[in-house]
Amino acid sequence: MAIHNPQERGLIKYILLFIIFVIILGYFNIDLRGIIEKPEVQKNLAYIKEAGQNIWQNIILPLWHNYLSEPVLYFWQNIFIDIVWRAFTEGLEILKR
């Protein structure tokens, strides 16, 4: 008997929902390619891309470099790796013996 990962089921569910959604759009004669290729939609997508790049460059990266990188890296190296990971691997060694 195979054990299924619940996340795999979720992925399959979303793929099936997407396929059903596309079939329903086709039933109502909605052309996705025609919609995506419209100049207005292309302008909107370009605007969203530009806004995302601006947010990344002007907010997220400075926030990471100026405030978050030191504490996150300290936590990762000194707490997670030194304490949690070592305890985990030692526990596995005990179970192995």
C-alpha atoms as a PDB file:
ATOM      1  CA  MET A   1       0.000   0.000   0.000  1.00  0.00           C
ATOM      2  CA  ALA A   2       1.473   3.331  -1.071  1.00  0.00           C
ATOM      3  CA  ILE A   3       1.350   6.335   1.196  1.00  0.00           C
ATOM      4  CA  HIS A   4       0.436   9.541  -0.627  1.00  0.00           C
ATOM      5  CA  ASN A   5       1.831  12.881   0.322  1.00  0.00           C
ATOM      6  CA  PRO A   6      -1.044  15.337   1.009  1.00  0.00           C
ATOM      7  CA  GLN A   7       0.845  18.044  -0.867  1.00  0.00           C
ATOM      8  CA  GLU A   8       0.882  15.911  -4.015  1.00  0.00           C
ATOM      9  CA  ARG A   9      -2.881  15.634  -3.861  1.00  0.00           C
ATOM     10  CA  GLY A  10      -3.142  19.393  -3.521  1.00  0.00           C
ATOM     11  CA  LEU A  11      -0.992  19.913  -6.594  1.00  0.00           C
ATOM     12  CA  ILE A  12      -3.048  17.465  -8.647  1.00  0.00           C
ATOM     13  CA  LYS A  13      -6.232  19.139  -7.420  1.00  0.00           C
ATOM     14  CA  TYR A  14      -4.993  22.558  -8.559  1.00  0.00           C
ATOM     15  CA  ILE A  15      -3.923  21.217 -11.948  1.00  0.00           C
ATOM     16  CA  LEU A  16      -7.350  19.646 -12.458  1.00  0.00           C
ATOM     17  CA  LEU A  17      -9.081  22.867 -11.365  1.00  0.00           C
ATOM     18  CA  PHE A  18      -6.962  24.841 -13.835  1.00  0.00           C
ATOM     19  CA  ILE A  19      -7.823  22.428 -16.666  1.00  0.00           C
ATOM     20  CA  ILE A  20     -11.540  22.638 -15.791  1.00  0.00           C
ATOM     21  CA  PHE A  21     -11.285  26.441 -15.693  1.00  0.00           C
ATOM     22  CA  VAL A  22      -9.717  26.521 -19.177  1.00  0.00           C
ATOM     23  CA  ILE A  23     -12.407  24.151 -20.490  1.00  0.00           C
ATOM     24  CA  ILE A  24     -15.146  26.391 -19.057  1.00  0.00           C
ATOM     25  CA  LEU A  25     -13.551  29.448 -20.701  1.00  0.00           C
ATOM     26  CA  GLY A  26     -13.512  27.588 -24.005  1.00  0.00           C
ATOM     27  CA  TYR A  27     -17.176  26.661 -23.558  1.00  0.00           C
ATOM     28  CA  PHE A  28     -18.051  30.341 -23.274  1.00  0.00           C
ATOM     29  CA  ASN A  29     -15.900  31.158 -26.337  1.00  0.00           C
ATOM     30  CA  ILE A  30     -13.341  33.124 -24.337  1.00  0.00           C
ATOM     31  CA  ASP A  31     -10.001  33.270 -26.141  1.00  0.00           C
ATOM     32  CA  LEU A  32      -7.180  33.501 -23.593  1.00  0.00           C
ATOM     33  CA  ARG A  33      -4.545  34.203 -26.228  1.00  0.00           C
ATOM     34  CA  GLY A  34      -6.628  37.041 -27.630  1.00  0.00           C
ATOM     35  CA  ILE A  35      -7.067  38.516 -24.172  1.00  0.00           C
ATOM     36  CA  ILE A  36      -3.384  38.228 -23.247  1.00  0.00           C
ATOM     37  CA  GLU A  37      -2.228  39.721 -26.563  1.00  0.00           C
ATOM     38  CA  LYS A  38      -4.396  42.845 -26.253  1.00  0.00           C
ATOM     39  CA  PRO A  39      -2.264  45.996 -25.917  1.00  0.00           C
ATOM     40  CA  GLU A  40      -4.132  47.086 -22.787  1.00  0.00           C
ATOM     41  CA  VAL A  41      -3.435  43.778 -21.054  1.00  0.00           C
ATOM     42  CA  GLN A  42       0.215  43.902 -22.144  1.00  0.00           C
ATOM     43  CA  LYS A  43       0.505  47.406 -20.666  1.00  0.00           C
ATOM     44  CA  ASN A  44      -1.052  46.231 -17.403  1.00  0.00           C
ATOM     45  CA  LEU A  45       1.272  43.232 -17.210  1.00  0.00           C
ATOM     46  CA  ALA A  46       4.286  45.453 -17.928  1.00  0.00           C
ATOM     47  CA  TYR A  47       3.144  47.817 -15.175  1.00  0.00           C
ATOM     48  CA  ILE A  48       2.816  44.951 -12.678  1.00  0.00           C
ATOM     49  CA  LYS A  49       6.271  43.660 -13.653  1.00  0.00           C
ATOM     50  CA  GLU A  50       7.796  47.131 -13.286  1.00  0.00           C
ATOM     51  CA  ALA A  51       6.086  47.670  -9.920  1.00  0.00           C
ATOM     52  CA  GLY A  52       7.347  44.295  -8.704  1.00  0.00           C
ATOM     53  CA  GLN A  53      10.887  45.120  -9.771  1.00  0.00           C
ATOM     54  CA  ASN A  54      10.696  48.523  -8.059  1.00  0.00           C
ATOM     55  CA  ILE A  55       9.412  46.958  -4.837  1.00  0.00           C
ATOM     56  CA  TRP A  56      12.189  44.362  -4.974  1.00  0.00           C
ATOM     57  CA  GLN A  57      14.932  46.911  -5.657  1.00  0.00           C
ATOM     58  CA  ASN A  58      13.738  49.755  -3.416  1.00  0.00           C
ATOM     59  CA  ILE A  59      12.095  47.976  -0.483  1.00  0.00           C
ATOM     60  CA  ILE A  60      12.959  44.299  -0.144  1.00  0.00           C
ATOM     61  CA  LEU A  61      16.687  44.375  -0.958  1.00  0.00           C
ATOM     62  CA  PRO A  62      17.484  47.432   1.221  1.00  0.00           C
ATOM     63  CA  LEU A  63      15.409  45.940   4.037  1.00  0.00           C
ATOM     64  CA  TRP A  64      17.369  42.692   3.760  1.00  0.00           C
ATOM     65  CA  HIS A  65      20.796  44.307   3.496  1.00  0.00           C
ATOM     66  CA  ASN A  66      20.271  47.006   6.153  1.00  0.00           C
ATOM     67  CA  TYR A  67      18.175  45.241   8.786  1.00  0.00           C
ATOM     68  CA  LEU A  68      17.441  41.562   8.271  1.00  0.00           C
ATOM     69  CA  SER A  69      20.564  39.866   6.931  1.00  0.00           C
ATOM     70  CA  GLU A  70      22.633  40.015  10.136  1.00  0.00           C
ATOM     71  CA  PRO A  71      20.002  38.637  12.541  1.00  0.00           C
ATOM     72  CA  VAL A  72      18.768  36.022  10.087  1.00  0.00           C
ATOM     73  CA  LEU A  73      22.277  34.810   9.269  1.00  0.00           C
ATOM     74  CA  TYR A  74      23.224  34.847  12.976  1.00  0.00           C
ATOM     75  CA  PHE A  75      20.147  32.751  13.773  1.00  0.00           C
ATOM     76  CA  TRP A  76      20.881  30.378  10.910  1.00  0.00           C
ATOM     77  CA  GLN A  77      24.565  29.856  11.730  1.00  0.00           C
ATOM     78  CA  ASN A  78      24.580  30.036  15.538  1.00  0.00           C
ATOM     79  CA  ILE A  79      21.195  28.717  16.560  1.00  0.00           C
ATOM     80  CA  PHE A  80      19.817  26.532  13.808  1.00  0.00           C
ATOM     81  CA  ILE A  81      23.019  24.895  12.596  1.00  0.00           C
ATOM     82  CA  ASP A  82      24.810  24.715  15.941  1.00  0.00           C
ATOM     83  CA  ILE A  83      21.924  23.694  18.174  1.00  0.00           C
ATOM     84  CA  VAL A  84      18.987  22.340  16.192  1.00  0.00           C
ATOM     85  CA  TRP A  85      20.843  20.567  13.397  1.00  0.00           C
ATOM     86  CA  ARG A  86      23.436  19.080  15.748  1.00  0.00           C
ATOM     87  CA  ALA A  87      20.695  17.778  18.066  1.00  0.00           C
ATOM     88  CA  PHE A  88      18.838  16.344  15.077  1.00  0.00           C
ATOM     89  CA  THR A  89      21.874  14.519  13.690  1.00  0.00           C
ATOM     90  CA  GLU A  90      22.861  13.239  17.138  1.00  0.00           C
ATOM     91  CA  GLY A  91      19.334  11.944  17.597  1.00  0.00           C
ATOM     92  CA  LEU A  92      19.564  10.134  14.281  1.00  0.00           C
ATOM     93  CA  GLU A  93      22.888   8.607  15.313  1.00  0.00           C
ATOM     94  CA  ILE A  94      21.323   7.354  18.563  1.00  0.00           C
ATOM     95  CA  LEU A  95      18.428   5.832  16.621  1.00  0.00           C
ATOM     96  CA  LYS A  96      20.866   4.283  14.167  1.00  0.00           C
ATOM     97  CA  ARG A  97      22.743   2.502  16.982  1.00  0.00           C
END
